[in-house]
């Protein structure tokens, strides 16, 4: 682990002069992008950040004050496995690919570029959020997510430059040229062009969209292209914190809303975020994040699996049949204006298999948030006994059906309600503002976004965390302003 090279790495970069030179040429362009599109107004501030110092599961990170432009971005892969094999697909059991197979070159480049494009996109979406932080604790978490997304970009750029020659160098430059939400040169995936301009958006993004990243990276961590698999395994170590920020952030918003409901049934009057607005944000980000898995019926998913490039979630742990050539998967599709079941070859349905794993994981978050409501004395109507007035009854938060508000795949050209029922376009438009954030909802949430930067203080609309970071109290000065 060469931690103090200009480009920290554990891939013996100094021994590959061509690659080293190419990455050193890319570095100033990256830093220019970071100064232009990274967190605005905080580049010279000391932030208490964790920095990777190893790739082992124990003691892999160091915590200290760092100015973000000085963050130790670098290239870290898990150690190679002796005699690694392709773990699935038509080449199951063959030696893992150490170089890019010519016949899979375009597919593999597409996978890496698409994953790489998401990393700077999220930094761009969140670049102004520091100005409206609810606490220094939350500001620090935002910046930790940002610098690690920057490092994940480095991970993908390393693969492009190391294994794809001139094409890879061109793609690396394009990753810095696209911009989130830019009408002329947008990011590749639509979820990464959506505005993330308030902290409720940020918590939903890190809960749902970063959780999609967990499942995409986990599928790529099974890849028969071993450099990609080793890269993604270490990225998953950092990704866990991003999801923690979203999951616990939403739980704290829900808890505070429940507390404020005891003061006034209309929490707007006491500066809280109503549960119905929280639900709309959940509906928005969950549905956009579902799109990131791709179409329900996909020849690309079949080709990637057959080639041994992208597996299923926990392919080796959860499955015994790693060929998946014979099975099928039944899904609901729209035919002649009705939802009907269709049986699809399993390989063509692997996006949907991965999406199902993702949805079940998201449900666990909803259970935690609903528990926060119950802990504060608000519960679902069905759990209140007749004549029991000790607890306030409210609707539970929920995940909308996977067919709701989709822009990719089988359901994108039709309209559904939050329960997944097929409805006319006119009915969807009529109810849209009760299912998705309206302009009025967004403006109200933005009106609450006033910065709180005194150590130990927090905005009124969110509860404090149950503990600080790495043994530090909530009152710790996580960002020196």
Protein backbone atom coordinates (compact mmCIF):
# COMPACT_ATOMS: atom_id res chain seq x y z
CA UNK A 1 0.00 0.00 0.00
CA UNK A 2 1.77 3.13 -1.24
CA UNK A 3 -0.14 5.75 0.74
CA UNK A 4 2.10 8.72 0.14
CA UNK A 5 2.54 8.55 -3.62
CA UNK A 6 0.99 11.38 -5.58
CA UNK A 7 -1.69 8.82 -6.47
CA UNK A 8 -1.98 6.48 -3.43
CA UNK A 9 -2.44 2.89 -4.58
CA UNK A 10 -1.88 -0.77 -3.86
CA UNK A 11 -1.46 -1.81 -7.52
CA UNK A 12 2.27 -1.05 -7.87
CA UNK A 13 1.47 1.91 -10.07
CA UNK A 14 5.07 3.14 -10.08
CA UNK A 15 6.10 -0.01 -11.98
CA UNK A 16 3.81 0.79 -14.93
CA UNK A 17 5.27 3.99 -16.35
CA UNK A 18 2.72 4.42 -19.15
CA UNK A 19 -0.28 4.02 -16.85
CA UNK A 20 1.33 6.13 -14.12
CA UNK A 21 1.91 8.96 -16.59
CA UNK A 22 -1.64 8.74 -17.96
CA UNK A 23 -3.19 8.92 -14.49
CA UNK A 24 -0.94 11.80 -13.45
CA UNK A 25 -2.14 13.67 -16.53
CA UNK A 26 -5.75 12.95 -15.53
CA UNK A 27 -5.20 14.04 -11.89
CA UNK A 28 -5.15 17.85 -12.45
CA UNK A 29 -8.29 17.57 -14.60
CA UNK A 30 -9.95 15.69 -11.76
CA UNK A 31 -8.90 18.33 -9.22
CA UNK A 32 -10.24 21.08 -11.49
CA UNK A 33 -13.54 19.21 -11.69
CA UNK A 34 -13.59 18.81 -7.89
CA UNK A 35 -12.99 22.54 -7.33
CA UNK A 36 -15.70 23.43 -9.86
CA UNK A 37 -18.32 20.80 -9.02
CA UNK A 38 -17.45 19.54 -5.53
CA UNK A 39 -18.90 20.97 -2.29
CA UNK A 40 -19.17 24.71 -2.85
CA UNK A 41 -17.74 27.04 -0.25
CA UNK A 42 -16.00 24.47 1.95
CA UNK A 43 -12.85 23.53 0.07
CA UNK A 44 -10.55 25.23 2.60
CA UNK A 45 -12.29 23.86 5.73
CA UNK A 46 -10.93 21.11 7.96
CA UNK A 47 -13.34 18.15 7.92
CA UNK A 48 -13.05 15.12 10.23
CA UNK A 49 -12.91 12.45 7.52
CA UNK A 50 -12.01 8.81 7.32
CA UNK A 51 -9.36 7.92 4.77
CA UNK A 52 -8.54 4.45 3.50
CA UNK A 53 -5.17 3.13 4.69
CA UNK A 54 -5.66 -0.60 4.03
CA UNK A 55 -8.03 -2.95 2.23
CA UNK A 56 -8.54 -5.39 5.09
CA UNK A 57 -11.84 -5.58 6.93
CA UNK A 58 -10.27 -4.46 10.24
CA UNK A 59 -8.56 -1.14 10.77
CA UNK A 60 -8.82 -0.13 7.13
CA UNK A 61 -9.51 3.57 7.74
CA UNK A 62 -7.91 6.48 9.57
CA UNK A 63 -9.89 9.45 10.95
CA UNK A 64 -8.47 12.97 11.11
CA UNK A 65 -9.07 16.55 9.96
CA UNK A 66 -8.49 16.92 6.22
CA UNK A 67 -9.18 19.66 3.70
CA UNK A 68 -11.18 17.98 0.95
CA UNK A 69 -8.88 18.93 -1.97
CA UNK A 70 -6.07 17.24 0.00
CA UNK A 71 -8.05 14.04 0.53
CA UNK A 72 -6.03 10.91 -0.23
CA UNK A 73 -7.90 9.76 -3.32
CA UNK A 74 -6.36 6.67 -4.76
CA UNK A 75 -6.65 3.22 -6.27
CA UNK A 76 -7.32 0.34 -3.88
CA UNK A 77 -8.16 -3.22 -4.87
CA UNK A 78 -8.70 -6.18 -2.59
CA UNK A 79 -5.82 -8.68 -2.80
CA UNK A 80 -5.90 -11.09 -5.72
CA UNK A 81 -7.12 -14.61 -5.04
CA UNK A 82 -4.86 -17.46 -6.11
CA UNK A 83 -6.35 -19.55 -8.92
CA UNK A 84 -9.47 -17.33 -9.17
CA UNK A 85 -12.17 -18.77 -11.44
CA UNK A 86 -15.08 -17.38 -13.41
CA UNK A 87 -17.92 -18.00 -10.99
CA UNK A 88 -20.95 -18.17 -13.32
CA UNK A 89 -22.15 -18.18 -16.92
CA UNK A 90 -20.99 -20.09 -19.96
CA UNK A 91 -17.34 -20.02 -18.84
CA UNK A 92 -18.08 -21.15 -15.28
CA UNK A 93 -14.97 -22.68 -13.73
CA UNK A 94 -12.52 -21.25 -16.28
CA UNK A 95 -9.59 -19.13 -15.03
CA UNK A 96 -10.73 -15.60 -14.16
CA UNK A 97 -9.98 -12.95 -16.78
CA UNK A 98 -6.87 -10.94 -15.92
CA UNK A 99 -7.06 -9.01 -19.18
CA UNK A 100 -10.13 -7.86 -21.12
CA UNK A 101 -11.37 -10.67 -23.41
CA UNK A 102 -11.64 -9.22 -26.93
CA UNK A 103 -15.16 -10.53 -27.48
CA UNK A 104 -16.40 -8.86 -24.27
CA UNK A 105 -14.47 -5.60 -24.62
CA UNK A 106 -17.42 -3.35 -25.51
CA UNK A 107 -19.72 -4.88 -22.89
CA UNK A 108 -17.15 -4.56 -20.14
CA UNK A 109 -16.30 -0.99 -21.06
CA UNK A 110 -20.01 -0.11 -21.03
CA UNK A 111 -20.41 -1.60 -17.55
CA UNK A 112 -17.42 0.30 -16.15
CA UNK A 113 -18.32 3.62 -17.78
CA UNK A 114 -21.92 3.45 -16.56
CA UNK A 115 -20.83 2.68 -13.00
CA UNK A 116 -18.12 5.34 -13.16
CA UNK A 117 -20.54 8.00 -14.39
CA UNK A 118 -22.71 7.68 -11.28
CA UNK A 119 -19.89 8.63 -8.92
CA UNK A 120 -19.16 12.24 -9.97
CA UNK A 121 -22.85 12.74 -10.76
CA UNK A 122 -23.88 12.38 -7.12
CA UNK A 123 -21.18 14.85 -6.03
CA UNK A 124 -22.57 17.35 -8.54
CA UNK A 125 -26.14 16.80 -7.34
CA UNK A 126 -25.15 17.49 -3.72
CA UNK A 127 -22.62 20.30 -4.16
CA UNK A 128 -24.73 23.04 -2.51
CA UNK A 129 -26.10 21.07 0.44
CA UNK A 130 -23.36 22.16 2.85
CA UNK A 131 -24.94 25.62 2.97
CA UNK A 132 -28.15 24.25 4.52
CA UNK A 133 -26.80 21.51 6.83
CA UNK A 134 -28.98 20.63 9.85
CA UNK A 135 -25.85 20.07 12.01
CA UNK A 136 -22.07 19.78 11.78
CA UNK A 137 -22.48 16.01 12.19
CA UNK A 138 -24.63 15.90 9.05
CA UNK A 139 -22.35 18.27 7.15
CA UNK A 140 -19.41 15.98 7.87
CA UNK A 141 -21.37 12.92 6.68
CA UNK A 142 -22.25 14.73 3.45
CA UNK A 143 -18.59 15.52 2.78
CA UNK A 144 -17.54 11.96 3.66
CA UNK A 145 -19.97 10.64 1.07
CA UNK A 146 -18.70 13.17 -1.46
CA UNK A 147 -15.00 12.38 -1.14
CA UNK A 148 -15.66 8.64 -1.28
CA UNK A 149 -17.74 9.01 -4.41
CA UNK A 150 -14.73 10.85 -5.81
CA UNK A 151 -12.52 7.90 -4.88
CA UNK A 152 -14.96 5.49 -6.51
CA UNK A 153 -14.59 7.51 -9.69
CA UNK A 154 -10.85 6.94 -9.41
CA UNK A 155 -11.49 3.20 -9.09
CA UNK A 156 -13.35 3.07 -12.40
CA UNK A 157 -10.92 5.43 -14.17
CA UNK A 158 -8.05 3.16 -13.15
CA UNK A 159 -9.76 0.21 -14.86
CA UNK A 160 -10.47 2.24 -17.99
CA UNK A 161 -6.93 3.58 -18.27
CA UNK A 162 -5.22 0.32 -17.32
CA UNK A 163 -7.18 -2.05 -19.56
CA UNK A 164 -8.76 -0.11 -22.44
CA UNK A 165 -5.92 1.95 -23.92
CA UNK A 166 -6.84 5.10 -25.84
CA UNK A 167 -10.56 4.30 -25.65
CA UNK A 168 -10.26 4.12 -21.89
CA UNK A 169 -8.44 7.44 -21.67
CA UNK A 170 -11.13 9.09 -23.79
CA UNK A 171 -13.87 7.62 -21.61
CA UNK A 172 -12.06 8.85 -18.47
CA UNK A 173 -12.05 12.38 -19.88
CA UNK A 174 -15.77 12.13 -20.70
CA UNK A 175 -16.53 11.19 -17.10
CA UNK A 176 -15.34 14.67 -16.14
CA UNK A 177 -17.10 16.38 -19.06
CA UNK A 178 -20.70 15.31 -18.41
CA UNK A 179 -22.72 17.19 -15.79
CA UNK A 180 -25.71 16.19 -13.70
CA UNK A 181 -28.86 17.79 -15.08
CA UNK A 182 -27.08 19.48 -18.00
CA UNK A 183 -29.53 19.49 -20.95
CA UNK A 184 -26.72 19.26 -23.50
CA UNK A 185 -24.40 16.77 -21.78
CA UNK A 186 -26.29 15.02 -18.96
CA UNK A 187 -25.20 12.06 -16.89
CA UNK A 188 -25.97 8.64 -18.39
CA UNK A 189 -28.67 7.48 -15.93
CA UNK A 190 -31.72 9.64 -15.29
CA UNK A 191 -31.74 9.31 -11.49
CA UNK A 192 -28.39 11.11 -11.51
CA UNK A 193 -29.86 14.09 -13.35
CA UNK A 194 -32.55 14.73 -10.74
CA UNK A 195 -32.06 17.70 -8.38
CA UNK A 196 -30.90 16.84 -4.87
CA UNK A 197 -31.27 20.32 -3.43
CA UNK A 198 -32.53 19.73 0.10
CA UNK A 199 -31.61 17.34 2.90
CA UNK A 200 -34.75 15.21 2.64
CA UNK A 201 -33.72 14.54 -0.96
CA UNK A 202 -30.19 13.75 0.22
CA UNK A 203 -31.32 11.21 2.81
CA UNK A 204 -33.64 9.55 0.28
CA UNK A 205 -30.86 9.53 -2.33
CA UNK A 206 -28.34 7.90 0.00
CA UNK A 207 -30.96 5.45 1.24
CA UNK A 208 -32.39 4.36 -2.10
CA UNK A 209 -30.00 5.35 -4.89
CA UNK A 210 -26.81 4.44 -3.03
CA UNK A 211 -28.51 1.17 -2.08
CA UNK A 212 -28.90 0.47 -5.78
CA UNK A 213 -25.13 1.02 -5.88
CA UNK A 214 -24.72 -1.69 -3.26
CA UNK A 215 -26.53 -4.22 -5.45
CA UNK A 216 -24.81 -3.17 -8.68
CA UNK A 217 -21.39 -3.31 -7.04
CA UNK A 218 -22.20 -6.65 -5.41
CA UNK A 219 -23.14 -8.11 -8.81
CA UNK A 220 -19.88 -6.74 -10.28
CA UNK A 221 -17.90 -8.02 -7.29
CA UNK A 222 -18.77 -11.49 -8.61
CA UNK A 223 -17.32 -10.66 -12.03
CA UNK A 224 -15.02 -13.05 -13.84
CA UNK A 225 -12.93 -10.00 -14.83
CA UNK A 226 -10.90 -10.14 -11.63
CA UNK A 227 -9.61 -6.53 -11.52
CA UNK A 228 -13.23 -5.30 -11.61
CA UNK A 229 -14.32 -7.77 -8.93
CA UNK A 230 -11.45 -6.82 -6.61
CA UNK A 231 -12.14 -3.11 -7.13
CA UNK A 232 -15.86 -3.41 -6.33
CA UNK A 233 -15.30 -5.48 -3.21
CA UNK A 234 -13.36 -2.64 -1.63
CA UNK A 235 -15.83 -0.02 -2.87
CA UNK A 236 -18.58 -1.88 -1.01
CA UNK A 237 -16.66 -1.32 2.25
CA UNK A 238 -17.09 2.44 1.79
CA UNK A 239 -20.59 2.25 0.29
CA UNK A 240 -22.03 0.89 3.54
CA UNK A 241 -21.58 4.26 5.24
CA UNK A 242 -23.46 6.06 2.46
CA UNK A 243 -26.53 3.87 3.01
CA UNK A 244 -26.19 4.33 6.79
CA UNK A 245 -26.37 8.10 6.29
CA UNK A 246 -29.62 7.80 4.34
CA UNK A 247 -31.27 5.14 6.49
CA UNK A 248 -30.54 6.82 9.82
CA UNK A 249 -31.14 10.29 8.38
CA UNK A 250 -34.68 9.39 7.31
CA UNK A 251 -35.27 7.62 10.62
CA UNK A 252 -34.28 10.81 12.46
CA UNK A 253 -36.59 12.95 10.28
CA UNK A 254 -39.48 10.56 10.93
CA UNK A 255 -38.78 10.48 14.66
CA UNK A 256 -38.72 14.27 14.90
CA UNK A 257 -41.95 14.55 12.92
CA UNK A 258 -43.58 12.15 15.39
CA UNK A 259 -42.32 14.23 18.32
CA UNK A 260 -43.67 17.45 16.78
CA UNK A 261 -47.05 15.81 16.13
CA UNK A 262 -47.50 15.66 19.88
CA UNK A 263 -47.25 19.47 19.95
CA UNK A 264 -49.45 20.15 16.95
CA UNK A 265 -51.26 17.80 14.58
CA UNK A 266 -50.21 20.05 11.71
CA UNK A 267 -46.43 19.82 12.07
CA UNK A 268 -45.96 22.61 9.54
CA UNK A 269 -47.03 25.04 12.23
CA UNK A 270 -44.12 23.91 14.44
CA UNK A 271 -41.53 23.59 11.67
CA UNK A 272 -41.65 19.87 10.97
CA UNK A 273 -41.91 17.81 7.78
CA UNK A 274 -45.32 16.10 7.50
CA UNK A 275 -45.33 12.33 7.05
CA UNK A 276 -47.25 12.68 3.79
CA UNK A 277 -44.39 14.74 2.31
CA UNK A 278 -41.83 12.20 3.53
CA UNK A 279 -43.91 9.49 1.83
CA UNK A 280 -43.91 11.42 -1.46
CA UNK A 281 -40.11 11.73 -1.37
CA UNK A 282 -39.85 7.98 -0.70
CA UNK A 283 -42.11 7.31 -3.70
CA UNK A 284 -40.00 9.56 -5.93
CA UNK A 285 -36.54 8.24 -5.10
CA UNK A 286 -37.50 4.57 -4.76
CA UNK A 287 -39.12 4.57 -8.21
CA UNK A 288 -36.20 6.38 -9.87
CA UNK A 289 -33.76 4.02 -8.17
CA UNK A 290 -35.69 0.99 -9.46
CA UNK A 291 -35.03 2.25 -12.99
CA UNK A 292 -31.28 1.94 -12.40
CA UNK A 293 -31.49 -1.85 -12.60
CA UNK A 294 -32.56 -1.67 -16.26
CA UNK A 295 -35.42 -3.32 -18.12
CA UNK A 296 -37.33 -6.25 -16.64
CA UNK A 297 -36.65 -8.32 -19.75
CA UNK A 298 -33.07 -7.69 -20.85
CA UNK A 299 -30.81 -9.30 -23.42
CA UNK A 300 -27.94 -7.29 -21.92
CA UNK A 301 -28.39 -8.94 -18.52
CA UNK A 302 -28.37 -12.34 -20.25
CA UNK A 303 -25.23 -11.50 -22.22
CA UNK A 304 -23.38 -10.08 -19.21
CA UNK A 305 -24.19 -13.19 -17.17
CA UNK A 306 -23.30 -15.59 -19.96
CA UNK A 307 -19.94 -13.85 -20.39
CA UNK A 308 -19.21 -14.07 -16.66
CA UNK A 309 -19.05 -10.26 -16.35
CA UNK A 310 -21.94 -9.48 -13.97
CA UNK A 311 -23.47 -12.00 -11.61
CA UNK A 312 -26.36 -12.05 -9.20
CA UNK A 313 -26.31 -10.63 -5.69
CA UNK A 314 -24.14 -12.96 -3.57
CA UNK A 315 -23.89 -15.37 -6.50
CA UNK A 316 -21.59 -17.80 -4.70
CA UNK A 317 -23.40 -17.69 -1.35
CA UNK A 318 -27.03 -17.85 -2.44
CA UNK A 319 -27.05 -20.08 -5.53
CA UNK A 320 -26.00 -23.60 -6.41
CA UNK A 321 -26.77 -23.39 -10.14
CA UNK A 322 -24.27 -20.88 -11.53
CA UNK A 323 -25.14 -21.59 -15.16
CA UNK A 324 -28.81 -20.50 -15.02
CA UNK A 325 -29.38 -21.74 -18.58
CA UNK A 326 -32.58 -23.69 -17.93
CA UNK A 327 -34.63 -21.75 -15.39
CA UNK A 328 -37.40 -19.21 -15.94
CA UNK A 329 -38.91 -16.26 -14.09
CA UNK A 330 -42.54 -15.16 -14.10
CA UNK A 331 -43.30 -11.43 -14.10
CA UNK A 332 -46.30 -9.21 -14.72
CA UNK A 333 -46.42 -7.38 -18.06
CA UNK A 334 -49.03 -5.25 -19.82
CA UNK A 335 -50.80 -6.84 -22.77
CA UNK A 336 -53.95 -5.45 -24.41
CA UNK A 337 -54.51 -3.07 -21.53
CA UNK A 338 -54.25 -5.70 -18.79
CA UNK A 339 -51.58 -7.02 -16.46
CA UNK A 340 -50.83 -10.64 -17.30
CA UNK A 341 -48.09 -13.05 -16.18
CA UNK A 342 -45.28 -13.82 -18.61
CA UNK A 343 -42.62 -16.49 -18.19
CA UNK A 344 -39.18 -15.25 -19.18
CA UNK A 345 -35.89 -17.19 -19.48
CA UNK A 346 -34.05 -16.68 -16.21
CA UNK A 347 -30.98 -15.06 -17.76
CA UNK A 348 -33.17 -12.44 -19.44
CA UNK A 349 -34.83 -11.64 -16.10
CA UNK A 350 -31.70 -11.14 -14.00
CA UNK A 351 -32.29 -7.38 -13.71
CA UNK A 352 -35.63 -8.18 -12.13
CA UNK A 353 -34.06 -10.77 -9.82
CA UNK A 354 -31.58 -8.14 -8.61
CA UNK A 355 -34.38 -5.56 -8.30
CA UNK A 356 -36.32 -7.97 -6.08
CA UNK A 357 -33.33 -8.37 -3.73
CA UNK A 358 -33.06 -4.58 -3.58
CA UNK A 359 -36.74 -4.09 -2.76
CA UNK A 360 -36.61 -6.57 0.11
CA UNK A 361 -33.60 -4.73 1.53
CA UNK A 362 -35.41 -1.38 1.30
CA UNK A 363 -38.37 -2.84 3.20
CA UNK A 364 -36.10 -3.29 6.22
CA UNK A 365 -35.53 0.46 6.25
CA UNK A 366 -39.27 1.13 6.20
CA UNK A 367 -39.68 -1.22 9.17
CA UNK A 368 -37.09 0.78 11.11
CA UNK A 369 -38.77 4.11 10.34
CA UNK A 370 -42.19 2.79 11.31
CA UNK A 371 -40.65 1.50 14.53
CA UNK A 372 -39.43 5.06 15.19
CA UNK A 373 -43.05 6.21 14.85
CA UNK A 374 -44.19 3.53 17.28
CA UNK A 375 -41.41 4.40 19.73
CA UNK A 376 -42.71 7.98 19.77
CA UNK A 377 -46.30 6.87 20.38
CA UNK A 378 -47.72 7.02 16.85
CA UNK A 379 -48.81 3.75 15.29
CA UNK A 380 -50.74 2.30 12.38
CA UNK A 381 -54.55 2.46 12.70
CA UNK A 382 -54.88 -1.34 12.75
CA UNK A 383 -52.68 -1.63 15.84
CA UNK A 384 -54.80 0.67 18.02
CA UNK A 385 -57.35 -1.15 20.11
CA UNK A 386 -60.94 0.07 20.31
CA UNK A 387 -61.17 2.85 22.84
CA UNK A 388 -57.38 3.08 23.18
CA UNK A 389 -56.55 6.76 23.14
CA UNK A 390 -53.03 6.52 24.52
CA UNK A 391 -51.40 6.30 21.10
CA UNK A 392 -51.89 8.57 18.11
CA UNK A 393 -52.91 6.63 14.99
CA UNK A 394 -51.22 7.48 11.65
CA UNK A 395 -50.71 5.65 8.36
CA UNK A 396 -47.56 3.58 8.11
CA UNK A 397 -44.84 4.63 5.70
CA UNK A 398 -44.55 2.19 2.80
CA UNK A 399 -42.74 1.44 -0.44
CA UNK A 400 -44.82 1.99 -3.58
CA UNK A 401 -45.29 -0.90 -5.96
CA UNK A 402 -42.37 -1.50 -8.35
CA UNK A 403 -44.59 -0.56 -11.31
CA UNK A 404 -45.31 2.93 -9.99
CA UNK A 405 -43.68 5.96 -11.70
CA UNK A 406 -41.25 4.00 -13.84
CA UNK A 407 -39.25 5.47 -16.72
CA UNK A 408 -37.35 2.36 -17.86
CA UNK A 409 -38.57 -1.10 -18.83
CA UNK A 410 -41.93 -2.80 -19.25
CA UNK A 411 -43.90 -0.30 -17.19
CA UNK A 412 -42.43 2.95 -18.50
CA UNK A 413 -45.06 3.50 -21.20
CA UNK A 414 -48.01 2.90 -18.84
CA UNK A 415 -49.37 4.49 -15.67
CA UNK A 416 -49.91 2.81 -12.31
CA UNK A 417 -51.03 3.88 -8.86
CA UNK A 418 -48.84 3.29 -5.81
CA UNK A 419 -50.38 -0.17 -5.35
CA UNK A 420 -49.39 -1.18 -8.87
CA UNK A 421 -52.83 -1.04 -10.47
CA UNK A 422 -52.89 -0.09 -14.15
CA UNK A 423 -54.72 3.24 -14.52
CA UNK A 424 -55.39 5.75 -17.33
CA UNK A 425 -52.95 8.60 -17.82
CA UNK A 426 -55.65 11.10 -16.83
CA UNK A 427 -56.15 9.38 -13.47
CA UNK A 428 -52.41 9.38 -12.81
CA UNK A 429 -52.18 13.11 -13.55
CA UNK A 430 -55.18 13.75 -11.33
CA UNK A 431 -53.52 12.04 -8.33
CA UNK A 432 -49.89 12.82 -9.14
CA UNK A 433 -49.48 15.55 -6.52
CA UNK A 434 -50.75 13.24 -3.78
CA UNK A 435 -48.18 10.58 -4.73
CA UNK A 436 -45.11 12.61 -5.71
CA UNK A 437 -43.59 15.84 -4.33
CA UNK A 438 -45.38 18.88 -5.71
CA UNK A 439 -43.67 22.21 -6.24
CA UNK A 440 -45.42 23.42 -3.09
CA UNK A 441 -44.05 20.44 -1.12
CA UNK A 442 -40.51 21.06 -2.35
CA UNK A 443 -40.72 24.77 -1.58
CA UNK A 444 -41.95 24.02 1.93
CA UNK A 445 -39.09 21.59 2.60
CA UNK A 446 -36.59 24.10 1.21
CA UNK A 447 -38.04 26.77 3.52
CA UNK A 448 -36.87 24.66 6.49
CA UNK A 449 -33.32 24.32 5.22
CA UNK A 450 -31.50 26.86 7.40
CA UNK A 451 -27.91 25.96 8.34
CA UNK A 452 -27.12 25.01 11.93
CA UNK A 453 -23.35 25.06 12.41
CA UNK A 454 -22.83 25.43 16.16
CA UNK A 455 -21.36 22.20 17.60
CA UNK A 456 -24.02 20.20 19.44
CA UNK A 457 -26.96 22.10 17.90
CA UNK A 458 -29.40 20.74 15.31
CA UNK A 459 -32.25 21.94 13.11
CA UNK A 460 -35.78 21.68 14.47
CA UNK A 461 -37.06 19.33 11.73
CA UNK A 462 -34.69 16.42 12.48
CA UNK A 463 -33.76 14.49 15.62
CA UNK A 464 -30.12 14.20 16.70
CA UNK A 465 -28.32 10.90 16.04
CA UNK A 466 -28.15 8.29 18.77
CA UNK A 467 -24.35 8.48 18.74
CA UNK A 468 -21.52 10.35 17.06
CA UNK A 469 -18.85 9.05 14.68
CA UNK A 470 -16.00 6.76 15.67
CA UNK A 471 -16.47 7.31 19.39
CA UNK A 472 -16.85 11.09 19.14
CA UNK A 473 -19.94 12.74 20.71
CA UNK A 474 -22.57 14.53 18.67
CA UNK A 475 -21.19 17.79 20.11
CA UNK A 476 -17.78 17.24 18.50
CA UNK A 477 -16.61 19.88 16.00
CA UNK A 478 -16.85 17.63 12.92
CA UNK A 479 -16.18 20.54 10.56
CA UNK A 480 -14.04 23.51 11.57
CA UNK A 481 -15.73 26.60 10.21
